[in-house]
Amino acid sequence: IEKLYLIDCWAVYSQQDRTAYGSDVQNSNYQLVVSRLGWRSNVEILRLPSDQACQTFVSQQLDFVYIDANHDYEKVLADIAVWAPIVKLGGVVCGHDFCSSWPGVILAATEMAHLLGKELHHNGTPEEPIEDWWFIK
């Protein structure tokens, strides 16, 4: 891996406020990631919400994007919409939690792949608890 960007806001989400920062646990998780990977010259950690972090990249800059943020349909749809253009042609747009516990993920990933004319793949069945989804751009 030439360069690995780790992007997360390490925030506590409530039902009402999807952008609230805080919590000792989330800050501890962030510090753990920094201590384990932050020293590597090919790792850049961005503690930002997805919609802000994507603005630091240019079109077709990345080979791979893995989306595992807010699981609401609208948020997943928005994440795919902003990150897909940053992935190179032939690159991979993928994410997590393609499962019955997160129907918004299933719907958004399916719709965006169809809208972009791409074949959506996932490993296993939506009934299994943890699933990845992907399409080749």
N, C-alpha and C. Protein backbone atom coordinates (compact mmCIF):
# COMPACT_ATOMS: atom_id res chain seq x y z
N ILE A 1 0.86 -1.18 0.00
CA ILE A 1 0.00 0.00 0.00
C ILE A 1 0.89 1.23 0.00
N GLU A 2 0.76 2.01 -1.05
CA GLU A 2 1.56 3.22 -1.16
C GLU A 2 1.13 4.28 -0.14
N LYS A 3 -0.19 4.47 -0.02
CA LYS A 3 -0.72 5.45 0.92
C LYS A 3 -2.07 4.95 1.42
N LEU A 4 -2.27 4.98 2.74
CA LEU A 4 -3.52 4.56 3.36
C LEU A 4 -4.09 5.72 4.13
N TYR A 5 -5.29 6.13 3.76
CA TYR A 5 -6.00 7.19 4.47
C TYR A 5 -7.04 6.55 5.36
N LEU A 6 -7.01 6.86 6.64
CA LEU A 6 -8.00 6.39 7.60
C LEU A 6 -8.86 7.60 7.97
N ILE A 7 -10.12 7.54 7.62
CA ILE A 7 -10.99 8.69 7.80
C ILE A 7 -12.16 8.30 8.69
N ASP A 8 -12.32 9.03 9.77
CA ASP A 8 -13.42 8.82 10.70
C ASP A 8 -13.50 10.07 11.57
N CYS A 9 -14.69 10.39 12.00
CA CYS A 9 -14.79 11.52 12.92
C CYS A 9 -14.74 11.05 14.38
N TRP A 10 -14.71 9.73 14.58
CA TRP A 10 -14.68 9.16 15.91
C TRP A 10 -15.65 9.93 16.80
N ALA A 11 -16.89 9.98 16.36
CA ALA A 11 -17.93 10.75 17.04
C ALA A 11 -18.98 9.84 17.64
N VAL A 12 -19.65 10.38 18.62
CA VAL A 12 -20.80 9.72 19.20
C VAL A 12 -22.02 10.22 18.45
N TYR A 13 -22.82 9.30 17.92
CA TYR A 13 -24.01 9.67 17.19
C TYR A 13 -25.25 9.43 18.02
N SER A 14 -26.13 10.40 18.02
CA SER A 14 -27.43 10.20 18.64
C SER A 14 -28.47 10.16 17.52
N GLN A 15 -29.68 9.81 17.83
CA GLN A 15 -30.73 9.78 16.81
C GLN A 15 -30.99 11.18 16.26
N GLN A 16 -30.84 12.22 17.08
CA GLN A 16 -31.15 13.58 16.65
C GLN A 16 -29.96 14.29 16.01
N ASP A 17 -28.77 14.08 16.56
CA ASP A 17 -27.60 14.83 16.10
C ASP A 17 -26.57 13.86 15.53
N ARG A 18 -26.49 13.80 14.20
CA ARG A 18 -25.61 12.84 13.54
C ARG A 18 -24.17 13.35 13.41
N THR A 19 -23.86 14.51 13.97
CA THR A 19 -22.50 15.03 13.82
C THR A 19 -21.86 15.37 15.16
N ALA A 20 -22.43 14.92 16.26
CA ALA A 20 -21.92 15.27 17.58
C ALA A 20 -20.58 14.59 17.85
N TYR A 21 -19.59 15.37 18.26
CA TYR A 21 -18.30 14.82 18.66
C TYR A 21 -18.31 14.56 20.15
N GLY A 22 -17.43 13.69 20.60
CA GLY A 22 -17.29 13.53 22.03
C GLY A 22 -17.05 12.12 22.47
N SER A 23 -17.21 11.90 23.74
CA SER A 23 -17.13 10.63 24.45
C SER A 23 -15.70 10.18 24.63
N ASP A 24 -15.42 9.79 25.86
CA ASP A 24 -14.09 9.30 26.20
C ASP A 24 -13.75 8.02 25.44
N VAL A 25 -14.77 7.17 25.21
CA VAL A 25 -14.53 5.92 24.48
C VAL A 25 -14.09 6.22 23.05
N GLN A 26 -14.79 7.11 22.38
CA GLN A 26 -14.43 7.43 20.99
C GLN A 26 -13.06 8.09 20.93
N ASN A 27 -12.76 8.96 21.86
CA ASN A 27 -11.43 9.57 21.88
C ASN A 27 -10.35 8.53 22.16
N SER A 28 -10.64 7.57 23.01
CA SER A 28 -9.70 6.48 23.29
C SER A 28 -9.47 5.64 22.04
N ASN A 29 -10.55 5.36 21.31
CA ASN A 29 -10.42 4.60 20.06
C ASN A 29 -9.56 5.36 19.06
N TYR A 30 -9.77 6.65 18.95
CA TYR A 30 -8.97 7.48 18.04
C TYR A 30 -7.50 7.42 18.46
N GLN A 31 -7.22 7.61 19.74
CA GLN A 31 -5.84 7.58 20.22
C GLN A 31 -5.19 6.22 19.98
N LEU A 32 -5.96 5.15 20.09
CA LEU A 32 -5.44 3.81 19.83
C LEU A 32 -5.02 3.67 18.37
N VAL A 33 -5.85 4.16 17.46
CA VAL A 33 -5.52 4.11 16.03
C VAL A 33 -4.26 4.94 15.75
N VAL A 34 -4.19 6.12 16.34
CA VAL A 34 -3.02 6.98 16.15
C VAL A 34 -1.76 6.28 16.67
N SER A 35 -1.85 5.67 17.83
CA SER A 35 -0.66 5.03 18.40
C SER A 35 -0.22 3.81 17.59
N ARG A 36 -1.17 3.09 17.02
CA ARG A 36 -0.83 1.88 16.27
C ARG A 36 -0.41 2.15 14.83
N LEU A 37 -0.98 3.18 14.22
CA LEU A 37 -0.73 3.39 12.79
C LEU A 37 -0.22 4.79 12.44
N GLY A 38 -0.41 5.76 13.30
CA GLY A 38 -0.07 7.14 12.99
C GLY A 38 1.40 7.40 12.75
N TRP A 39 2.25 6.55 13.24
CA TRP A 39 3.69 6.74 13.08
C TRP A 39 4.18 6.31 11.70
N ARG A 40 3.36 5.55 10.98
CA ARG A 40 3.77 5.06 9.66
C ARG A 40 3.75 6.19 8.64
N SER A 41 4.78 6.27 7.83
CA SER A 41 4.87 7.36 6.85
C SER A 41 3.83 7.24 5.74
N ASN A 42 3.30 6.04 5.51
CA ASN A 42 2.33 5.88 4.43
C ASN A 42 0.88 5.88 4.93
N VAL A 43 0.67 6.26 6.19
CA VAL A 43 -0.67 6.34 6.77
C VAL A 43 -0.98 7.77 7.14
N GLU A 44 -2.14 8.24 6.70
CA GLU A 44 -2.62 9.56 7.09
C GLU A 44 -3.99 9.41 7.73
N ILE A 45 -4.11 9.92 8.95
CA ILE A 45 -5.35 9.81 9.70
C ILE A 45 -6.05 11.16 9.67
N LEU A 46 -7.28 11.14 9.17
CA LEU A 46 -8.08 12.36 9.10
C LEU A 46 -9.28 12.22 10.02
N ARG A 47 -9.32 13.01 11.07
CA ARG A 47 -10.45 12.97 12.00
C ARG A 47 -11.46 14.02 11.55
N LEU A 48 -12.24 13.60 10.56
CA LEU A 48 -13.22 14.49 9.94
C LEU A 48 -14.46 13.70 9.55
N PRO A 49 -15.59 14.37 9.48
CA PRO A 49 -16.76 13.71 8.88
C PRO A 49 -16.49 13.42 7.41
N SER A 50 -17.12 12.40 6.90
CA SER A 50 -16.91 11.95 5.53
C SER A 50 -17.09 13.07 4.51
N ASP A 51 -18.15 13.86 4.66
CA ASP A 51 -18.45 14.90 3.67
C ASP A 51 -17.39 16.00 3.65
N GLN A 52 -16.66 16.19 4.75
CA GLN A 52 -15.56 17.15 4.77
C GLN A 52 -14.27 16.51 4.27
N ALA A 53 -14.02 15.29 4.69
CA ALA A 53 -12.78 14.61 4.32
C ALA A 53 -12.67 14.42 2.81
N CYS A 54 -13.77 14.11 2.16
CA CYS A 54 -13.71 13.86 0.71
C CYS A 54 -13.27 15.09 -0.06
N GLN A 55 -13.43 16.27 0.52
CA GLN A 55 -13.03 17.50 -0.16
C GLN A 55 -11.51 17.67 -0.23
N THR A 56 -10.77 16.85 0.49
CA THR A 56 -9.31 16.93 0.46
C THR A 56 -8.70 16.11 -0.68
N PHE A 57 -9.56 15.43 -1.44
CA PHE A 57 -9.10 14.58 -2.54
C PHE A 57 -9.61 15.12 -3.87
N VAL A 58 -8.97 14.69 -4.95
CA VAL A 58 -9.39 15.11 -6.29
C VAL A 58 -10.01 13.92 -7.01
N SER A 59 -10.67 14.20 -8.08
CA SER A 59 -11.33 13.18 -8.89
C SER A 59 -10.35 12.09 -9.30
N GLN A 60 -10.75 10.84 -9.15
CA GLN A 60 -10.00 9.66 -9.55
C GLN A 60 -8.62 9.57 -8.90
N GLN A 61 -8.52 10.00 -7.66
CA GLN A 61 -7.24 9.96 -6.94
C GLN A 61 -7.00 8.61 -6.25
N LEU A 62 -8.05 7.96 -5.80
CA LEU A 62 -7.89 6.76 -4.97
C LEU A 62 -8.19 5.48 -5.74
N ASP A 63 -7.56 4.40 -5.34
CA ASP A 63 -7.80 3.09 -5.93
C ASP A 63 -8.95 2.36 -5.25
N PHE A 64 -9.23 2.73 -4.02
CA PHE A 64 -10.13 1.93 -3.19
C PHE A 64 -10.74 2.83 -2.12
N VAL A 65 -12.03 2.68 -1.88
CA VAL A 65 -12.72 3.37 -0.79
C VAL A 65 -13.60 2.35 -0.07
N TYR A 66 -13.51 2.33 1.25
CA TYR A 66 -14.33 1.44 2.07
C TYR A 66 -15.20 2.31 2.97
N ILE A 67 -16.50 2.23 2.80
CA ILE A 67 -17.45 3.09 3.51
C ILE A 67 -18.08 2.31 4.66
N ASP A 68 -17.91 2.84 5.87
CA ASP A 68 -18.51 2.23 7.06
C ASP A 68 -18.75 3.34 8.07
N ALA A 69 -19.66 4.22 7.72
CA ALA A 69 -19.95 5.37 8.58
C ALA A 69 -21.40 5.28 9.05
N ASN A 70 -22.10 6.37 8.96
CA ASN A 70 -23.51 6.38 9.34
C ASN A 70 -24.27 5.43 8.43
N HIS A 71 -25.13 4.59 8.98
CA HIS A 71 -25.80 3.53 8.23
C HIS A 71 -27.21 3.89 7.77
N ASP A 72 -27.63 5.12 7.99
CA ASP A 72 -28.94 5.56 7.49
C ASP A 72 -28.89 5.62 5.97
N TYR A 73 -29.98 5.29 5.33
CA TYR A 73 -30.08 5.26 3.87
C TYR A 73 -29.52 6.54 3.25
N GLU A 74 -30.00 7.71 3.70
CA GLU A 74 -29.59 8.98 3.10
C GLU A 74 -28.10 9.22 3.26
N LYS A 75 -27.55 8.86 4.42
CA LYS A 75 -26.12 9.07 4.68
C LYS A 75 -25.26 8.14 3.84
N VAL A 76 -25.67 6.89 3.70
CA VAL A 76 -24.91 5.94 2.87
C VAL A 76 -24.95 6.39 1.42
N LEU A 77 -26.13 6.79 0.97
CA LEU A 77 -26.29 7.28 -0.41
C LEU A 77 -25.36 8.48 -0.65
N ALA A 78 -25.34 9.41 0.30
CA ALA A 78 -24.49 10.60 0.18
C ALA A 78 -23.01 10.22 0.19
N ASP A 79 -22.62 9.28 1.06
CA ASP A 79 -21.21 8.86 1.10
C ASP A 79 -20.78 8.24 -0.23
N ILE A 80 -21.60 7.37 -0.77
CA ILE A 80 -21.24 6.75 -2.06
C ILE A 80 -21.17 7.82 -3.14
N ALA A 81 -22.11 8.74 -3.13
CA ALA A 81 -22.15 9.79 -4.15
C ALA A 81 -20.90 10.68 -4.13
N VAL A 82 -20.38 10.98 -2.95
CA VAL A 82 -19.20 11.86 -2.88
C VAL A 82 -17.89 11.10 -3.03
N TRP A 83 -17.84 9.83 -2.64
CA TRP A 83 -16.59 9.08 -2.71
C TRP A 83 -16.38 8.39 -4.05
N ALA A 84 -17.43 7.94 -4.71
CA ALA A 84 -17.27 7.22 -5.98
C ALA A 84 -16.49 8.03 -7.02
N PRO A 85 -16.73 9.33 -7.18
CA PRO A 85 -15.96 10.08 -8.17
C PRO A 85 -14.46 10.19 -7.85
N ILE A 86 -14.10 9.98 -6.58
CA ILE A 86 -12.70 10.08 -6.17
C ILE A 86 -11.94 8.79 -6.47
N VAL A 87 -12.69 7.72 -6.74
CA VAL A 87 -12.07 6.43 -7.06
C VAL A 87 -11.76 6.37 -8.55
N LYS A 88 -10.58 5.87 -8.87
CA LYS A 88 -10.15 5.73 -10.26
C LYS A 88 -11.03 4.73 -11.01
N LEU A 89 -11.08 4.87 -12.33
CA LEU A 89 -11.75 3.88 -13.15
C LEU A 89 -11.05 2.54 -12.94
N GLY A 90 -11.80 1.50 -12.72
CA GLY A 90 -11.24 0.20 -12.41
C GLY A 90 -10.98 -0.01 -10.93
N GLY A 91 -11.17 1.06 -10.13
CA GLY A 91 -11.00 0.96 -8.69
C GLY A 91 -12.24 0.37 -8.03
N VAL A 92 -12.17 0.24 -6.72
CA VAL A 92 -13.24 -0.42 -5.98
C VAL A 92 -13.90 0.54 -5.00
N VAL A 93 -15.22 0.60 -5.08
CA VAL A 93 -16.03 1.33 -4.10
C VAL A 93 -16.73 0.24 -3.28
N CYS A 94 -16.52 0.24 -1.99
CA CYS A 94 -17.10 -0.83 -1.18
C CYS A 94 -17.48 -0.30 0.20
N GLY A 95 -18.12 -1.16 0.95
CA GLY A 95 -18.55 -0.77 2.28
C GLY A 95 -18.93 -1.96 3.13
N HIS A 96 -19.46 -1.65 4.29
CA HIS A 96 -19.72 -2.63 5.33
C HIS A 96 -21.20 -2.69 5.67
N ASP A 97 -21.60 -3.75 6.32
CA ASP A 97 -22.94 -3.94 6.89
C ASP A 97 -24.06 -4.04 5.88
N PHE A 98 -23.82 -4.79 4.81
CA PHE A 98 -24.86 -5.14 3.84
C PHE A 98 -25.62 -6.31 4.45
N CYS A 99 -26.52 -5.99 5.39
CA CYS A 99 -27.23 -7.04 6.13
C CYS A 99 -28.60 -6.54 6.58
N SER A 100 -29.44 -7.46 6.99
CA SER A 100 -30.81 -7.12 7.34
C SER A 100 -30.90 -6.16 8.53
N SER A 101 -29.87 -6.09 9.35
CA SER A 101 -29.87 -5.14 10.47
C SER A 101 -29.77 -3.69 9.98
N TRP A 102 -29.25 -3.51 8.79
CA TRP A 102 -29.05 -2.17 8.23
C TRP A 102 -29.67 -2.08 6.83
N PRO A 103 -30.99 -2.05 6.74
CA PRO A 103 -31.65 -2.02 5.42
C PRO A 103 -31.28 -0.78 4.60
N GLY A 104 -30.95 0.32 5.27
CA GLY A 104 -30.55 1.52 4.54
C GLY A 104 -29.28 1.32 3.75
N VAL A 105 -28.36 0.52 4.29
CA VAL A 105 -27.11 0.21 3.59
C VAL A 105 -27.42 -0.60 2.34
N ILE A 106 -28.25 -1.62 2.50
CA ILE A 106 -28.61 -2.47 1.36
C ILE A 106 -29.26 -1.64 0.25
N LEU A 107 -30.23 -0.82 0.62
CA LEU A 107 -30.96 -0.03 -0.36
C LEU A 107 -30.06 1.00 -1.05
N ALA A 108 -29.26 1.72 -0.27
CA ALA A 108 -28.41 2.77 -0.84
C ALA A 108 -27.33 2.18 -1.76
N ALA A 109 -26.67 1.12 -1.32
CA ALA A 109 -25.62 0.50 -2.14
C ALA A 109 -26.21 -0.05 -3.43
N THR A 110 -27.36 -0.69 -3.32
CA THR A 110 -28.02 -1.26 -4.50
C THR A 110 -28.43 -0.16 -5.47
N GLU A 111 -29.04 0.89 -4.96
CA GLU A 111 -29.49 1.99 -5.82
C GLU A 111 -28.33 2.70 -6.50
N MET A 112 -27.27 2.99 -5.74
CA MET A 112 -26.14 3.72 -6.33
C MET A 112 -25.41 2.88 -7.37
N ALA A 113 -25.24 1.60 -7.11
CA ALA A 113 -24.59 0.75 -8.12
C ALA A 113 -25.43 0.73 -9.39
N HIS A 114 -26.74 0.60 -9.25
CA HIS A 114 -27.63 0.60 -10.41
C HIS A 114 -27.56 1.94 -11.14
N LEU A 115 -27.61 3.04 -10.38
CA LEU A 115 -27.55 4.38 -10.98
C LEU A 115 -26.26 4.59 -11.76
N LEU A 116 -25.16 4.04 -11.25
CA LEU A 116 -23.86 4.19 -11.91
C LEU A 116 -23.62 3.12 -12.98
N GLY A 117 -24.58 2.22 -13.14
CA GLY A 117 -24.46 1.17 -14.14
C GLY A 117 -23.43 0.12 -13.78
N LYS A 118 -23.27 -0.13 -12.49
CA LYS A 118 -22.28 -1.09 -12.01
C LYS A 118 -22.96 -2.29 -11.38
N GLU A 119 -22.30 -3.43 -11.44
CA GLU A 119 -22.83 -4.64 -10.82
C GLU A 119 -22.42 -4.66 -9.34
N LEU A 120 -23.41 -4.73 -8.47
CA LEU A 120 -23.14 -4.77 -7.04
C LEU A 120 -22.87 -6.19 -6.60
N HIS A 121 -21.83 -6.35 -5.80
CA HIS A 121 -21.46 -7.65 -5.25
C HIS A 121 -21.53 -7.57 -3.73
N HIS A 122 -21.75 -8.69 -3.10
CA HIS A 122 -21.65 -8.77 -1.64
C HIS A 122 -21.30 -10.21 -1.27
N ASN A 123 -20.67 -10.35 -0.13
CA ASN A 123 -20.24 -11.70 0.28
C ASN A 123 -21.24 -12.30 1.25
N GLY A 124 -21.95 -13.28 0.79
CA GLY A 124 -22.92 -13.96 1.64
C GLY A 124 -24.34 -13.51 1.36
N THR A 125 -25.16 -13.57 2.39
CA THR A 125 -26.57 -13.19 2.26
C THR A 125 -26.86 -12.02 3.19
N PRO A 126 -27.83 -11.20 2.86
CA PRO A 126 -28.17 -10.06 3.73
C PRO A 126 -28.59 -10.46 5.14
N GLU A 127 -28.98 -11.70 5.36
CA GLU A 127 -29.40 -12.13 6.69
C GLU A 127 -28.21 -12.36 7.64
N GLU A 128 -27.03 -12.54 7.10
CA GLU A 128 -25.86 -12.74 7.94
C GLU A 128 -25.46 -11.41 8.58
N PRO A 129 -24.91 -11.43 9.80
CA PRO A 129 -24.72 -10.20 10.56
C PRO A 129 -23.70 -9.21 10.01
N ILE A 130 -22.64 -9.66 9.38
CA ILE A 130 -21.64 -8.72 8.87
C ILE A 130 -21.36 -9.06 7.41
N GLU A 131 -21.56 -8.10 6.56
CA GLU A 131 -21.39 -8.31 5.12
C GLU A 131 -20.69 -7.13 4.48
N ASP A 132 -19.89 -7.40 3.50
CA ASP A 132 -19.27 -6.35 2.70
C ASP A 132 -19.98 -6.29 1.35
N TRP A 133 -20.03 -5.10 0.78
CA TRP A 133 -20.57 -4.90 -0.56
C TRP A 133 -19.52 -4.15 -1.37
N TRP A 134 -19.56 -4.29 -2.70
CA TRP A 134 -18.60 -3.58 -3.55
C TRP A 134 -19.06 -3.55 -4.99
N PHE A 135 -18.52 -2.57 -5.69
CA PHE A 135 -18.62 -2.55 -7.15
C PHE A 135 -17.34 -1.98 -7.71
N ILE A 136 -17.04 -2.39 -8.93
CA ILE A 136 -15.85 -1.90 -9.64
C ILE A 136 -16.28 -0.69 -10.45
N LYS A 137 -15.54 0.38 -10.29
CA LYS A 137 -15.90 1.60 -11.02
C LYS A 137 -15.42 1.52 -12.45
